[in-house]
């Protein structure tokens, strides 16, 4: 299978400068536009993460965020000031591809690089700070307009003129559906197991879902969504 999903990039971004925002280290506001990403198995050269425990790692080397979501979030008055790409901290911005059109485990080719979709972005309280709205992360969780992460299957360069091609589809669960299942209000073993069976699912999500199944409970989300001050 080879299907073109996106004709060309809307933008490519990277940055490794860390800033302190309300006592929390973050790189989210330090990304800048580039003509090319040089992608290795464990990183994008010149890109950094302030919190490697929850960001980065082999399952989250590249963050892809749909450019058109910014307009929707602005229309919902969820931004205290005008913000656009790369304010989500994304590396890849495109128009015309969203979370319902790409699946967990999808293998895609972008320029020289082969990537695999591993998980949706799990929104956290840093987004509330970034956009000046106390419920931004919660709205992202509910609407599933979150973007997604890739692991790297082959190294190389991604340029602004490169297309995104779907090479192989390994599951029937979209990024949007995965987000819906993972953040169900009530415990649902059958749906968790269905998501667990997706090839390529990020190990952190595998571990979390397995822990839920073992304990028959859902972890507390308040700290992630609102931080320590909540």
Foldseek 3Di string as FASTA:
>chain_A
DKAFQAQFFPFFWAAADWDADPNDIFCLPVIDTDFKWFDDQQETPRHHGPDCVQAGGQAFRFWEAEQCVLVVCVVVVLAPDRDGPPNRSGRTYGHRDFQVRAAQQWWKDAPPWIKGWAAFRQAFQVVCVSRVHLQPNVVCLVVVNTTTGIGTPDTGMHGRSITIIGDDDQAPHTNSNRSCLLPPPAQDLVSLVNSLPGPRHDPVSNVQSVVCVVVVDHDDCCCGHRNDVD
